[in-house]
Amino acid sequence: MKNQRKQSEQQSWEGEGGMGSGSNGHDRQSEAVTRVYEQSKRVREDFEGLVSAVYEAKADVESALRERLKEHPYLGLAAAAGLGYVLGAGISPRLLRTAFGLGTRIAFAAVMRQLATPITEAVTART
C-alpha cells in the first residue's frame, strides 16, 4: 500500500520536469515547491560565495600576520602572552586602570619633553 502511494506521488511529480500533472491546486503547490527550490539554490550559491570570501580574507590576514611575526617575533610573543594574561582575568580592573593611568602620564611627559626641546633650544640660541 505504501509503495503504491509512493509510486503515484513520484509519477505525479515527474511530469513536465517535476511540475506535476495533477489538478490546478496541485500545479500551484508544485510551482511553489519549484520557487522554493530555486530560491534555495540561489541562497546556497550566495552562501558558497560568502564562505569563499571569508577563506580568502582569512588567508590574507594569516599572511600579513606571518609577515609581521617574521619581522618582529618577540613583539608577537609579548603581545600573545599579554593578551592571554588579560583574557585569563590575570589583571584586576583596578590594577589595569592604575597601569593605564601611569602609562598615559609617562607618555604625556615624553611627548611634552619632545615638544619642549625645540622651544628651549630656540630660547637659548637667542641669548
PDB file of N, CA and C in Angstrom:
ATOM      1  N   MET A   1       0.824  -1.193   0.000  1.00  0.00           N
ATOM      2  CA  MET A   1       0.000   0.000   0.000  1.00  0.00           C
ATOM      3  C   MET A   1       0.870   1.259   0.000  1.00  0.00           C
ATOM      4  N   LYS A   2       1.875   1.298   0.909  1.00  0.00           N
ATOM      5  CA  LYS A   2       2.753   2.462   0.963  1.00  0.00           C
ATOM      6  C   LYS A   2       3.529   2.627  -0.337  1.00  0.00           C
ATOM      7  N   ASN A   3       4.006   1.519  -0.881  1.00  0.00           N
ATOM      8  CA  ASN A   3       4.774   1.579  -2.123  1.00  0.00           C
ATOM      9  C   ASN A   3       3.942   2.110  -3.277  1.00  0.00           C
ATOM     10  N   GLN A   4       2.656   1.731  -3.355  1.00  0.00           N
ATOM     11  CA  GLN A   4       1.790   2.217  -4.422  1.00  0.00           C
ATOM     12  C   GLN A   4       1.593   3.727  -4.299  1.00  0.00           C
ATOM     13  N   ARG A   5       1.367   4.181  -3.078  1.00  0.00           N
ATOM     14  CA  ARG A   5       1.160   5.613  -2.870  1.00  0.00           C
ATOM     15  C   ARG A   5       2.431   6.390  -3.206  1.00  0.00           C
ATOM     16  N   LYS A   6       3.574   5.863  -2.811  1.00  0.00           N
ATOM     17  CA  LYS A   6       4.847   6.500  -3.096  1.00  0.00           C
ATOM     18  C   LYS A   6       5.084   6.585  -4.601  1.00  0.00           C
ATOM     19  N   GLN A   7       4.745   5.497  -5.334  1.00  0.00           N
ATOM     20  CA  GLN A   7       4.931   5.495  -6.789  1.00  0.00           C
ATOM     21  C   GLN A   7       4.002   6.500  -7.450  1.00  0.00           C
ATOM     22  N   SER A   8       2.761   6.565  -6.989  1.00  0.00           N
ATOM     23  CA  SER A   8       1.822   7.506  -7.608  1.00  0.00           C
ATOM     24  C   SER A   8       2.237   8.951  -7.340  1.00  0.00           C
ATOM     25  N   GLU A   9       2.756   9.238  -6.147  1.00  0.00           N
ATOM     26  CA  GLU A   9       3.249  10.595  -5.859  1.00  0.00           C
ATOM     27  C   GLU A   9       4.448  10.921  -6.729  1.00  0.00           C
ATOM     28  N   GLN A  10       5.351   9.964  -6.888  1.00  0.00           N
ATOM     29  CA  GLN A  10       6.533  10.181  -7.700  1.00  0.00           C
ATOM     30  C   GLN A  10       6.153  10.404  -9.155  1.00  0.00           C
ATOM     31  N   GLN A  11       5.177   9.647  -9.666  1.00  0.00           N
ATOM     32  CA  GLN A  11       4.747   9.800 -11.051  1.00  0.00           C
ATOM     33  C   GLN A  11       4.093  11.153 -11.265  1.00  0.00           C
ATOM     34  N   SER A  12       3.336  11.632 -10.284  1.00  0.00           N
ATOM     35  CA  SER A  12       2.682  12.924 -10.448  1.00  0.00           C
ATOM     36  C   SER A  12       3.699  14.072 -10.427  1.00  0.00           C
ATOM     37  N   TRP A  13       4.821  13.891  -9.762  1.00  0.00           N
ATOM     38  CA  TRP A  13       5.850  14.922  -9.718  1.00  0.00           C
ATOM     39  C   TRP A  13       6.775  14.861 -10.919  1.00  0.00           C
ATOM     40  N   GLU A  14       6.864  13.741 -11.575  1.00  0.00           N
ATOM     41  CA  GLU A  14       7.796  13.591 -12.682  1.00  0.00           C
ATOM     42  C   GLU A  14       7.302  14.239 -13.960  1.00  0.00           C
ATOM     43  N   GLY A  15       6.029  14.441 -14.111  1.00  0.00           N
ATOM     44  CA  GLY A  15       5.504  15.031 -15.339  1.00  0.00           C
ATOM     45  C   GLY A  15       5.962  16.464 -15.517  1.00  0.00           C
ATOM     46  N   GLU A  16       6.310  16.855 -16.720  1.00  0.00           N
ATOM     47  CA  GLU A  16       6.725  18.212 -17.095  1.00  0.00           C
ATOM     48  C   GLU A  16       7.851  18.745 -16.229  1.00  0.00           C
ATOM     49  N   GLY A  17       8.906  18.007 -16.078  1.00  0.00           N
ATOM     50  CA  GLY A  17      10.087  18.492 -15.369  1.00  0.00           C
ATOM     51  C   GLY A  17       9.862  18.696 -13.900  1.00  0.00           C
ATOM     52  N   GLY A  18       9.029  17.881 -13.281  1.00  0.00           N
ATOM     53  CA  GLY A  18       8.817  17.998 -11.845  1.00  0.00           C
ATOM     54  C   GLY A  18       7.738  18.981 -11.482  1.00  0.00           C
ATOM     55  N   MET A  19       7.000  19.483 -12.445  1.00  0.00           N
ATOM     56  CA  MET A  19       5.983  20.479 -12.156  1.00  0.00           C
ATOM     57  C   MET A  19       4.658  19.833 -11.755  1.00  0.00           C
ATOM     58  N   GLY A  20       4.539  18.547 -11.917  1.00  0.00           N
ATOM     59  CA  GLY A  20       3.309  17.879 -11.542  1.00  0.00           C
ATOM     60  C   GLY A  20       2.322  17.876 -12.690  1.00  0.00           C
ATOM     61  N   SER A  21       1.405  16.929 -12.674  1.00  0.00           N
ATOM     62  CA  SER A  21       0.436  16.863 -13.765  1.00  0.00           C
ATOM     63  C   SER A  21      -0.983  16.725 -13.228  1.00  0.00           C
ATOM     64  N   GLY A  22      -1.156  17.099 -11.987  1.00  0.00           N
ATOM     65  CA  GLY A  22      -2.460  16.908 -11.355  1.00  0.00           C
ATOM     66  C   GLY A  22      -3.365  18.084 -11.581  1.00  0.00           C
ATOM     67  N   SER A  23      -4.231  18.327 -10.620  1.00  0.00           N
ATOM     68  CA  SER A  23      -5.217  19.392 -10.709  1.00  0.00           C
ATOM     69  C   SER A  23      -4.558  20.753 -10.547  1.00  0.00           C
ATOM     70  N   ASN A  24      -5.371  21.783 -10.627  1.00  0.00           N
ATOM     71  CA  ASN A  24      -4.889  23.156 -10.540  1.00  0.00           C
ATOM     72  C   ASN A  24      -4.231  23.437  -9.191  1.00  0.00           C
ATOM     73  N   GLY A  25      -4.790  22.939  -8.108  1.00  0.00           N
ATOM     74  CA  GLY A  25      -4.204  23.116  -6.781  1.00  0.00           C
ATOM     75  C   GLY A  25      -2.858  22.433  -6.677  1.00  0.00           C
ATOM     76  N   HIS A  26      -2.761  21.279  -7.299  1.00  0.00           N
ATOM     77  CA  HIS A  26      -1.501  20.543  -7.294  1.00  0.00           C
ATOM     78  C   HIS A  26      -0.442  21.285  -8.109  1.00  0.00           C
ATOM     79  N   ASP A  27      -0.865  21.935  -9.212  1.00  0.00           N
ATOM     80  CA  ASP A  27       0.074  22.724 -10.022  1.00  0.00           C
ATOM     81  C   ASP A  27       0.615  23.908  -9.221  1.00  0.00           C
ATOM     82  N   ARG A  28      -0.261  24.570  -8.475  1.00  0.00           N
ATOM     83  CA  ARG A  28       0.179  25.695  -7.651  1.00  0.00           C
ATOM     84  C   ARG A  28       1.160  25.240  -6.584  1.00  0.00           C
ATOM     85  N   GLN A  29       0.880  24.086  -6.019  1.00  0.00           N
ATOM     86  CA  GLN A  29       1.766  23.554  -4.992  1.00  0.00           C
ATOM     87  C   GLN A  29       3.123  23.209  -5.593  1.00  0.00           C
ATOM     88  N   SER A  30       3.112  22.599  -6.750  1.00  0.00           N
ATOM     89  CA  SER A  30       4.385  22.241  -7.373  1.00  0.00           C
ATOM     90  C   SER A  30       5.149  23.486  -7.822  1.00  0.00           C
ATOM     91  N   GLU A  31       4.435  24.532  -8.260  1.00  0.00           N
ATOM     92  CA  GLU A  31       5.102  25.789  -8.610  1.00  0.00           C
ATOM     93  C   GLU A  31       5.737  26.411  -7.369  1.00  0.00           C
ATOM     94  N   ALA A  32       5.041  26.346  -6.256  1.00  0.00           N
ATOM     95  CA  ALA A  32       5.590  26.884  -5.008  1.00  0.00           C
ATOM     96  C   ALA A  32       6.825  26.107  -4.591  1.00  0.00           C
ATOM     97  N   VAL A  33       6.758  24.797  -4.725  1.00  0.00           N
ATOM     98  CA  VAL A  33       7.915  23.975  -4.388  1.00  0.00           C
ATOM     99  C   VAL A  33       9.083  24.304  -5.306  1.00  0.00           C
ATOM    100  N   THR A  34       8.786  24.505  -6.591  1.00  0.00           N
ATOM    101  CA  THR A  34       9.842  24.851  -7.555  1.00  0.00           C
ATOM    102  C   THR A  34      10.457  26.207  -7.208  1.00  0.00           C
ATOM    103  N   ARG A  35       9.622  27.183  -6.838  1.00  0.00           N
ATOM    104  CA  ARG A  35      10.147  28.501  -6.456  1.00  0.00           C
ATOM    105  C   ARG A  35      11.029  28.394  -5.219  1.00  0.00           C
ATOM    106  N   VAL A  36      10.581  27.621  -4.238  1.00  0.00           N
ATOM    107  CA  VAL A  36      11.377  27.430  -3.019  1.00  0.00           C
ATOM    108  C   VAL A  36      12.693  26.756  -3.363  1.00  0.00           C
ATOM    109  N   TYR A  37      12.640  25.771  -4.238  1.00  0.00           N
ATOM    110  CA  TYR A  37      13.853  25.064  -4.644  1.00  0.00           C
ATOM    111  C   TYR A  37      14.829  26.016  -5.352  1.00  0.00           C
ATOM    112  N   GLU A  38      14.318  26.828  -6.268  1.00  0.00           N
ATOM    113  CA  GLU A  38      15.175  27.784  -6.980  1.00  0.00           C
ATOM    114  C   GLU A  38      15.770  28.807  -6.017  1.00  0.00           C
ATOM    115  N   GLN A  39      14.943  29.283  -5.077  1.00  0.00           N
ATOM    116  CA  GLN A  39      15.442  30.247  -4.091  1.00  0.00           C
ATOM    117  C   GLN A  39      16.514  29.610  -3.215  1.00  0.00           C
ATOM    118  N   SER A  40      16.313  28.354  -2.843  1.00  0.00           N
ATOM    119  CA  SER A  40      17.325  27.691  -2.012  1.00  0.00           C
ATOM    120  C   SER A  40      18.623  27.498  -2.785  1.00  0.00           C
ATOM    121  N   LYS A  41      18.526  27.273  -4.092  1.00  0.00           N
ATOM    122  CA  LYS A  41      19.744  27.180  -4.917  1.00  0.00           C
ATOM    123  C   LYS A  41      20.492  28.508  -4.928  1.00  0.00           C
ATOM    124  N   ARG A  42      19.739  29.610  -5.062  1.00  0.00           N
ATOM    125  CA  ARG A  42      20.382  30.934  -5.059  1.00  0.00           C
ATOM    126  C   ARG A  42      21.024  31.224  -3.707  1.00  0.00           C
ATOM    127  N   VAL A  43      20.322  30.869  -2.628  1.00  0.00           N
ATOM    128  CA  VAL A  43      20.873  31.090  -1.288  1.00  0.00           C
ATOM    129  C   VAL A  43      22.142  30.270  -1.104  1.00  0.00           C
ATOM    130  N   ARG A  44      22.117  29.041  -1.593  1.00  0.00           N
ATOM    131  CA  ARG A  44      23.299  28.191  -1.474  1.00  0.00           C
ATOM    132  C   ARG A  44      24.476  28.786  -2.245  1.00  0.00           C
ATOM    133  N   GLU A  45      24.226  29.273  -3.456  1.00  0.00           N
ATOM    134  CA  GLU A  45      25.296  29.887  -4.241  1.00  0.00           C
ATOM    135  C   GLU A  45      25.854  31.123  -3.535  1.00  0.00           C
ATOM    136  N   ASP A  46      24.958  31.952  -2.985  1.00  0.00           N
ATOM    137  CA  ASP A  46      25.410  33.132  -2.247  1.00  0.00           C
ATOM    138  C   ASP A  46      26.229  32.744  -1.029  1.00  0.00           C
ATOM    139  N   PHE A  47      25.768  31.720  -0.324  1.00  0.00           N
ATOM    140  CA  PHE A  47      26.485  31.257   0.863  1.00  0.00           C
ATOM    141  C   PHE A  47      27.855  30.716   0.492  1.00  0.00           C
ATOM    142  N   GLU A  48      27.936  29.979  -0.612  1.00  0.00           N
ATOM    143  CA  GLU A  48      29.226  29.465  -1.063  1.00  0.00           C
ATOM    144  C   GLU A  48      30.173  30.611  -1.415  1.00  0.00           C
ATOM    145  N   GLY A  49      29.637  31.666  -2.028  1.00  0.00           N
ATOM    146  CA  GLY A  49      30.448  32.845  -2.323  1.00  0.00           C
ATOM    147  C   GLY A  49      30.943  33.524  -1.056  1.00  0.00           C
ATOM    148  N   LEU A  50      30.071  33.610  -0.062  1.00  0.00           N
ATOM    149  CA  LEU A  50      30.451  34.205   1.215  1.00  0.00           C
ATOM    150  C   LEU A  50      31.539  33.390   1.890  1.00  0.00           C
ATOM    151  N   VAL A  51      31.378  32.076   1.899  1.00  0.00           N
ATOM    152  CA  VAL A  51      32.386  31.212   2.513  1.00  0.00           C
ATOM    153  C   VAL A  51      33.722  31.370   1.792  1.00  0.00           C
ATOM    154  N   SER A  52      33.678  31.447   0.480  1.00  0.00           N
ATOM    155  CA  SER A  52      34.902  31.633  -0.299  1.00  0.00           C
ATOM    156  C   SER A  52      35.579  32.959   0.049  1.00  0.00           C
ATOM    157  N   ALA A  53      34.783  34.019   0.164  1.00  0.00           N
ATOM    158  CA  ALA A  53      35.338  35.329   0.518  1.00  0.00           C
ATOM    159  C   ALA A  53      35.940  35.317   1.922  1.00  0.00           C
ATOM    160  N   VAL A  54      35.295  34.628   2.848  1.00  0.00           N
ATOM    161  CA  VAL A  54      35.821  34.537   4.216  1.00  0.00           C
ATOM    162  C   VAL A  54      37.151  33.799   4.222  1.00  0.00           C
ATOM    163  N   TYR A  55      37.241  32.703   3.462  1.00  0.00           N
ATOM    164  CA  TYR A  55      38.502  31.961   3.399  1.00  0.00           C
ATOM    165  C   TYR A  55      39.614  32.808   2.781  1.00  0.00           C
ATOM    166  N   GLU A  56      39.284  33.597   1.749  1.00  0.00           N
ATOM    167  CA  GLU A  56      40.285  34.473   1.146  1.00  0.00           C
ATOM    168  C   GLU A  56      40.751  35.533   2.132  1.00  0.00           C
ATOM    169  N   ALA A  57      39.814  36.138   2.862  1.00  0.00           N
ATOM    170  CA  ALA A  57      40.171  37.150   3.860  1.00  0.00           C
ATOM    171  C   ALA A  57      41.022  36.533   4.961  1.00  0.00           C
ATOM    172  N   LYS A  58      40.660  35.334   5.370  1.00  0.00           N
ATOM    173  CA  LYS A  58      41.439  34.630   6.402  1.00  0.00           C
ATOM    174  C   LYS A  58      42.861  34.388   5.923  1.00  0.00           C
ATOM    175  N   ALA A  59      43.007  33.984   4.671  1.00  0.00           N
ATOM    176  CA  ALA A  59      44.336  33.745   4.123  1.00  0.00           C
ATOM    177  C   ALA A  59      45.142  35.040   4.068  1.00  0.00           C
ATOM    178  N   ASP A  60      44.502  36.147   3.703  1.00  0.00           N
ATOM    179  CA  ASP A  60      45.194  37.441   3.664  1.00  0.00           C
ATOM    180  C   ASP A  60      45.658  37.863   5.052  1.00  0.00           C
ATOM    181  N   VAL A  61      44.795  37.705   6.039  1.00  0.00           N
ATOM    182  CA  VAL A  61      45.156  38.077   7.410  1.00  0.00           C
ATOM    183  C   VAL A  61      46.286  37.188   7.922  1.00  0.00           C
ATOM    184  N   GLU A  62      46.191  35.903   7.626  1.00  0.00           N
ATOM    185  CA  GLU A  62      47.244  34.988   8.067  1.00  0.00           C
ATOM    186  C   GLU A  62      48.590  35.351   7.457  1.00  0.00           C
ATOM    187  N   SER A  63      48.604  35.673   6.160  1.00  0.00           N
ATOM    188  CA  SER A  63      49.880  36.009   5.520  1.00  0.00           C
ATOM    189  C   SER A  63      50.447  37.315   6.081  1.00  0.00           C
ATOM    190  N   ALA A  64      49.581  38.299   6.318  1.00  0.00           N
ATOM    191  CA  ALA A  64      50.055  39.560   6.891  1.00  0.00           C
ATOM    192  C   ALA A  64      50.581  39.343   8.303  1.00  0.00           C
ATOM    193  N   LEU A  65      49.893  38.520   9.078  1.00  0.00           N
ATOM    194  CA  LEU A  65      50.330  38.237  10.441  1.00  0.00           C
ATOM    195  C   LEU A  65      51.653  37.479  10.448  1.00  0.00           C
ATOM    196  N   ARG A  66      51.775  36.505   9.568  1.00  0.00           N
ATOM    197  CA  ARG A  66      53.039  35.759   9.480  1.00  0.00           C
ATOM    198  C   ARG A  66      54.202  36.681   9.103  1.00  0.00           C
ATOM    199  N   GLU A  67      53.938  37.597   8.197  1.00  0.00           N
ATOM    200  CA  GLU A  67      54.978  38.546   7.776  1.00  0.00           C
ATOM    201  C   GLU A  67      55.413  39.417   8.953  1.00  0.00           C
ATOM    202  N   ARG A  68      54.445  39.921   9.700  1.00  0.00           N
ATOM    203  CA  ARG A  68      54.776  40.751  10.870  1.00  0.00           C
ATOM    204  C   ARG A  68      55.535  39.955  11.923  1.00  0.00           C
ATOM    205  N   LEU A  69      55.098  38.716  12.142  1.00  0.00           N
ATOM    206  CA  LEU A  69      55.780  37.898  13.149  1.00  0.00           C
ATOM    207  C   LEU A  69      57.201  37.542  12.729  1.00  0.00           C
ATOM    208  N   LYS A  70      57.443  37.427  11.427  1.00  0.00           N
ATOM    209  CA  LYS A  70      58.811  37.180  10.964  1.00  0.00           C
ATOM    210  C   LYS A  70      59.685  38.409  11.187  1.00  0.00           C
ATOM    211  N   GLU A  71      59.099  39.588  11.004  1.00  0.00           N
ATOM    212  CA  GLU A  71      59.849  40.832  11.205  1.00  0.00           C
ATOM    213  C   GLU A  71      60.115  41.093  12.687  1.00  0.00           C
ATOM    214  N   HIS A  72      59.123  40.868  13.520  1.00  0.00           N
ATOM    215  CA  HIS A  72      59.218  41.169  14.955  1.00  0.00           C
ATOM    216  C   HIS A  72      58.714  39.982  15.777  1.00  0.00           C
ATOM    217  N   PRO A  73      59.498  38.926  15.908  1.00  0.00           N
ATOM    218  CA  PRO A  73      58.994  37.740  16.616  1.00  0.00           C
ATOM    219  C   PRO A  73      58.774  37.956  18.111  1.00  0.00           C
ATOM    220  N   TYR A  74      59.643  38.720  18.749  1.00  0.00           N
ATOM    221  CA  TYR A  74      59.483  38.922  20.196  1.00  0.00           C
ATOM    222  C   TYR A  74      58.292  39.808  20.510  1.00  0.00           C
ATOM    223  N   LEU A  75      58.005  40.746  19.645  1.00  0.00           N
ATOM    224  CA  LEU A  75      56.829  41.585  19.831  1.00  0.00           C
ATOM    225  C   LEU A  75      55.557  40.741  19.727  1.00  0.00           C
ATOM    226  N   GLY A  76      55.542  39.829  18.776  1.00  0.00           N
ATOM    227  CA  GLY A  76      54.391  38.935  18.643  1.00  0.00           C
ATOM    228  C   GLY A  76      54.228  38.040  19.851  1.00  0.00           C
ATOM    229  N   LEU A  77      55.336  37.533  20.355  1.00  0.00           N
ATOM    230  CA  LEU A  77      55.288  36.680  21.537  1.00  0.00           C
ATOM    231  C   LEU A  77      54.803  37.463  22.760  1.00  0.00           C
ATOM    232  N   ALA A  78      55.293  38.672  22.912  1.00  0.00           N
ATOM    233  CA  ALA A  78      54.863  39.508  24.035  1.00  0.00           C
ATOM    234  C   ALA A  78      53.375  39.859  23.935  1.00  0.00           C
ATOM    235  N   ALA A  79      52.926  40.176  22.725  1.00  0.00           N
ATOM    236  CA  ALA A  79      51.508  40.506  22.539  1.00  0.00           C
ATOM    237  C   ALA A  79      50.631  39.304  22.857  1.00  0.00           C
ATOM    238  N   ALA A  80      51.038  38.125  22.410  1.00  0.00           N
ATOM    239  CA  ALA A  80      50.249  36.923  22.677  1.00  0.00           C
ATOM    240  C   ALA A  80      50.214  36.615  24.170  1.00  0.00           C
ATOM    241  N   ALA A  81      51.352  36.753  24.831  1.00  0.00           N
ATOM    242  CA  ALA A  81      51.397  36.480  26.272  1.00  0.00           C
ATOM    243  C   ALA A  81      50.558  37.501  27.042  1.00  0.00           C
ATOM    244  N   GLY A  82      50.671  38.753  26.678  1.00  0.00           N
ATOM    245  CA  GLY A  82      49.894  39.793  27.355  1.00  0.00           C
ATOM    246  C   GLY A  82      48.400  39.628  27.143  1.00  0.00           C
ATOM    247  N   LEU A  83      48.015  39.333  25.920  1.00  0.00           N
ATOM    248  CA  LEU A  83      46.603  39.147  25.624  1.00  0.00           C
ATOM    249  C   LEU A  83      46.052  37.929  26.359  1.00  0.00           C
ATOM    250  N   GLY A  84      46.814  36.864  26.387  1.00  0.00           N
ATOM    251  CA  GLY A  84      46.383  35.673  27.113  1.00  0.00           C
ATOM    252  C   GLY A  84      46.238  35.942  28.596  1.00  0.00           C
ATOM    253  N   TYR A  85      47.141  36.726  29.145  1.00  0.00           N
ATOM    254  CA  TYR A  85      47.071  37.048  30.568  1.00  0.00           C
ATOM    255  C   TYR A  85      45.844  37.897  30.878  1.00  0.00           C
ATOM    256  N   VAL A  86      45.603  38.897  30.047  1.00  0.00           N
ATOM    257  CA  VAL A  86      44.462  39.780  30.287  1.00  0.00           C
ATOM    258  C   VAL A  86      43.154  39.024  30.087  1.00  0.00           C
ATOM    259  N   LEU A  87      43.051  38.220  29.021  1.00  0.00           N
ATOM    260  CA  LEU A  87      41.823  37.467  28.779  1.00  0.00           C
ATOM    261  C   LEU A  87      41.594  36.403  29.835  1.00  0.00           C
ATOM    262  N   GLY A  88      42.651  35.934  30.433  1.00  0.00           N
ATOM    263  CA  GLY A  88      42.523  34.959  31.503  1.00  0.00           C
ATOM    264  C   GLY A  88      42.188  35.605  32.834  1.00  0.00           C
ATOM    265  N   ALA A  89      41.849  36.876  32.834  1.00  0.00           N
ATOM    266  CA  ALA A  89      41.473  37.637  34.022  1.00  0.00           C
ATOM    267  C   ALA A  89      42.618  37.678  35.030  1.00  0.00           C
ATOM    268  N   GLY A  90      43.846  37.766  34.511  1.00  0.00           N
ATOM    269  CA  GLY A  90      45.008  37.822  35.374  1.00  0.00           C
ATOM    270  C   GLY A  90      45.209  39.182  36.007  1.00  0.00           C
ATOM    271  N   ILE A  91      44.643  40.200  35.402  1.00  0.00           N
ATOM    272  CA  ILE A  91      44.801  41.550  35.933  1.00  0.00           C
ATOM    273  C   ILE A  91      43.444  42.024  36.442  1.00  0.00           C
ATOM    274  N   SER A  92      43.445  42.530  37.657  1.00  0.00           N
ATOM    275  CA  SER A  92      42.196  43.062  38.202  1.00  0.00           C
ATOM    276  C   SER A  92      41.896  44.396  37.512  1.00  0.00           C
ATOM    277  N   PRO A  93      40.636  44.763  37.427  1.00  0.00           N
ATOM    278  CA  PRO A  93      40.292  46.030  36.774  1.00  0.00           C
ATOM    279  C   PRO A  93      40.948  47.241  37.439  1.00  0.00           C
ATOM    280  N   ARG A  94      41.086  47.213  38.745  1.00  0.00           N
ATOM    281  CA  ARG A  94      41.699  48.345  39.438  1.00  0.00           C
ATOM    282  C   ARG A  94      43.173  48.469  39.070  1.00  0.00           C
ATOM    283  N   LEU A  95      43.888  47.344  39.028  1.00  0.00           N
ATOM    284  CA  LEU A  95      45.291  47.366  38.639  1.00  0.00           C
ATOM    285  C   LEU A  95      45.443  47.798  37.187  1.00  0.00           C
ATOM    286  N   LEU A  96      44.546  47.334  36.318  1.00  0.00           N
ATOM    287  CA  LEU A  96      44.588  47.723  34.911  1.00  0.00           C
ATOM    288  C   LEU A  96      44.358  49.224  34.764  1.00  0.00           C
ATOM    289  N   ARG A  97      43.411  49.765  35.518  1.00  0.00           N
ATOM    290  CA  ARG A  97      43.135  51.207  35.462  1.00  0.00           C
ATOM    291  C   ARG A  97      44.345  52.002  35.957  1.00  0.00           C
ATOM    292  N   THR A  98      44.994  51.531  37.031  1.00  0.00           N
ATOM    293  CA  THR A  98      46.175  52.202  37.565  1.00  0.00           C
ATOM    294  C   THR A  98      47.321  52.162  36.564  1.00  0.00           C
ATOM    295  N   ALA A  99      47.543  50.990  35.967  1.00  0.00           N
ATOM    296  CA  ALA A  99      48.627  50.850  34.989  1.00  0.00           C
ATOM    297  C   ALA A  99      48.363  51.722  33.772  1.00  0.00           C
ATOM    298  N   PHE A 100      47.117  51.783  33.317  1.00  0.00           N
ATOM    299  CA  PHE A 100      46.791  52.627  32.169  1.00  0.00           C
ATOM    300  C   PHE A 100      46.996  54.096  32.507  1.00  0.00           C
ATOM    301  N   GLY A 101      46.579  54.510  33.687  1.00  0.00           N
ATOM    302  CA  GLY A 101      46.783  55.903  34.104  1.00  0.00           C
ATOM    303  C   GLY A 101      48.252  56.254  34.193  1.00  0.00           C
ATOM    304  N   LEU A 102      49.060  55.358  34.758  1.00  0.00           N
ATOM    305  CA  LEU A 102      50.501  55.596  34.843  1.00  0.00           C
ATOM    306  C   LEU A 102      51.133  55.657  33.455  1.00  0.00           C
ATOM    307  N   GLY A 103      50.704  54.757  32.582  1.00  0.00           N
ATOM    308  CA  GLY A 103      51.232  54.736  31.220  1.00  0.00           C
ATOM    309  C   GLY A 103      50.912  56.010  30.461  1.00  0.00           C
ATOM    310  N   THR A 104      49.707  56.522  30.620  1.00  0.00           N
ATOM    311  CA  THR A 104      49.349  57.755  29.925  1.00  0.00           C
ATOM    312  C   THR A 104      50.128  58.943  30.486  1.00  0.00           C
ATOM    313  N   ARG A 105      50.378  58.954  31.782  1.00  0.00           N
ATOM    314  CA  ARG A 105      51.185  60.046  32.355  1.00  0.00           C
ATOM    315  C   ARG A 105      52.611  60.020  31.817  1.00  0.00           C
ATOM    316  N   ILE A 106      53.183  58.819  31.744  1.00  0.00           N
ATOM    317  CA  ILE A 106      54.555  58.692  31.229  1.00  0.00           C
ATOM    318  C   ILE A 106      54.603  59.105  29.765  1.00  0.00           C
ATOM    319  N   ALA A 107      53.615  58.664  28.984  1.00  0.00           N
ATOM    320  CA  ALA A 107      53.571  59.025  27.567  1.00  0.00           C
ATOM    321  C   ALA A 107      53.387  60.531  27.395  1.00  0.00           C
ATOM    322  N   PHE A 108      52.544  61.134  28.223  1.00  0.00           N
ATOM    323  CA  PHE A 108      52.335  62.573  28.149  1.00  0.00           C
ATOM    324  C   PHE A 108      53.622  63.324  28.479  1.00  0.00           C
ATOM    325  N   ALA A 109      54.344  62.863  29.494  1.00  0.00           N
ATOM    326  CA  ALA A 109      55.604  63.517  29.856  1.00  0.00           C
ATOM    327  C   ALA A 109      56.621  63.394  28.732  1.00  0.00           C
ATOM    328  N   ALA A 110      56.676  62.236  28.062  1.00  0.00           N
ATOM    329  CA  ALA A 110      57.616  62.054  26.953  1.00  0.00           C
ATOM    330  C   ALA A 110      57.272  62.968  25.788  1.00  0.00           C
ATOM    331  N   VAL A 111      56.001  63.094  25.485  1.00  0.00           N
ATOM    332  CA  VAL A 111      55.574  63.976  24.393  1.00  0.00           C
ATOM    333  C   VAL A 111      55.890  65.425  24.729  1.00  0.00           C
ATOM    334  N   MET A 112      55.639  65.831  25.956  1.00  0.00           N
ATOM    335  CA  MET A 112      55.932  67.211  26.355  1.00  0.00           C
ATOM    336  C   MET A 112      57.431  67.495  26.293  1.00  0.00           C
ATOM    337  N   ARG A 113      58.227  66.504  26.663  1.00  0.00           N
ATOM    338  CA  ARG A 113      59.676  66.666  26.586  1.00  0.00           C
ATOM    339  C   ARG A 113      60.116  66.856  25.132  1.00  0.00           C
ATOM    340  N   GLN A 114      59.518  66.085  24.232  1.00  0.00           N
ATOM    341  CA  GLN A 114      59.848  66.205  22.811  1.00  0.00           C
ATOM    342  C   GLN A 114      59.435  67.576  22.269  1.00  0.00           C
ATOM    343  N   LEU A 115      58.307  68.075  22.724  1.00  0.00           N
ATOM    344  CA  LEU A 115      57.844  69.382  22.267  1.00  0.00           C
ATOM    345  C   LEU A 115      58.637  70.515  22.900  1.00  0.00           C
ATOM    346  N   ALA A 116      59.081  70.329  24.123  1.00  0.00           N
ATOM    347  CA  ALA A 116      59.791  71.393  24.831  1.00  0.00           C
ATOM    348  C   ALA A 116      61.220  71.559  24.342  1.00  0.00           C
ATOM    349  N   THR A 117      61.830  70.516  23.838  1.00  0.00           N
ATOM    350  CA  THR A 117      63.231  70.586  23.419  1.00  0.00           C
ATOM    351  C   THR A 117      63.460  71.647  22.345  1.00  0.00           C
ATOM    352  N   PRO A 118      62.704  71.704  21.266  1.00  0.00           N
ATOM    353  CA  PRO A 118      62.947  72.754  20.262  1.00  0.00           C
ATOM    354  C   PRO A 118      62.706  74.158  20.818  1.00  0.00           C
ATOM    355  N   ILE A 119      61.762  74.287  21.721  1.00  0.00           N
ATOM    356  CA  ILE A 119      61.478  75.619  22.288  1.00  0.00           C
ATOM    357  C   ILE A 119      62.644  76.086  23.143  1.00  0.00           C
ATOM    358  N   THR A 120      63.147  75.205  23.990  1.00  0.00           N
ATOM    359  CA  THR A 120      64.277  75.606  24.836  1.00  0.00           C
ATOM    360  C   THR A 120      65.521  75.877  24.007  1.00  0.00           C
ATOM    361  N   GLU A 121      65.729  75.136  22.928  1.00  0.00           N
ATOM    362  CA  GLU A 121      66.890  75.407  22.072  1.00  0.00           C
ATOM    363  C   GLU A 121      66.741  76.752  21.387  1.00  0.00           C
ATOM    364  N   ALA A 122      65.533  77.127  20.991  1.00  0.00           N
ATOM    365  CA  ALA A 122      65.302  78.402  20.350  1.00  0.00           C
ATOM    366  C   ALA A 122      65.540  79.547  21.336  1.00  0.00           C
ATOM    367  N   VAL A 123      65.118  79.366  22.598  1.00  0.00           N
ATOM    368  CA  VAL A 123      65.298  80.409  23.593  1.00  0.00           C
ATOM    369  C   VAL A 123      66.783  80.560  23.927  1.00  0.00           C
ATOM    370  N   THR A 124      67.501  79.460  24.091  1.00  0.00           N
ATOM    371  CA  THR A 124      68.920  79.558  24.427  1.00  0.00           C
ATOM    372  C   THR A 124      69.731  80.089  23.268  1.00  0.00           C
ATOM    373  N   ALA A 125      69.302  79.887  22.042  1.00  0.00           N
ATOM    374  CA  ALA A 125      70.015  80.409  20.883  1.00  0.00           C
ATOM    375  C   ALA A 125      69.876  81.922  20.788  1.00  0.00           C
ATOM    376  N   ARG A 126      68.839  82.507  21.292  1.00  0.00           N
ATOM    377  CA  ARG A 126      68.627  83.956  21.239  1.00  0.00           C
ATOM    378  C   ARG A 126      69.579  84.679  22.194  1.00  0.00           C
ATOM    379  N   THR A 127      69.865  84.046  23.279  1.00  0.00           N
ATOM    380  CA  THR A 127      70.693  84.736  24.255  1.00  0.00           C
ATOM    381  C   THR A 127      72.146  84.527  24.071  1.00  0.00           C
TER     382      THR A 127
END
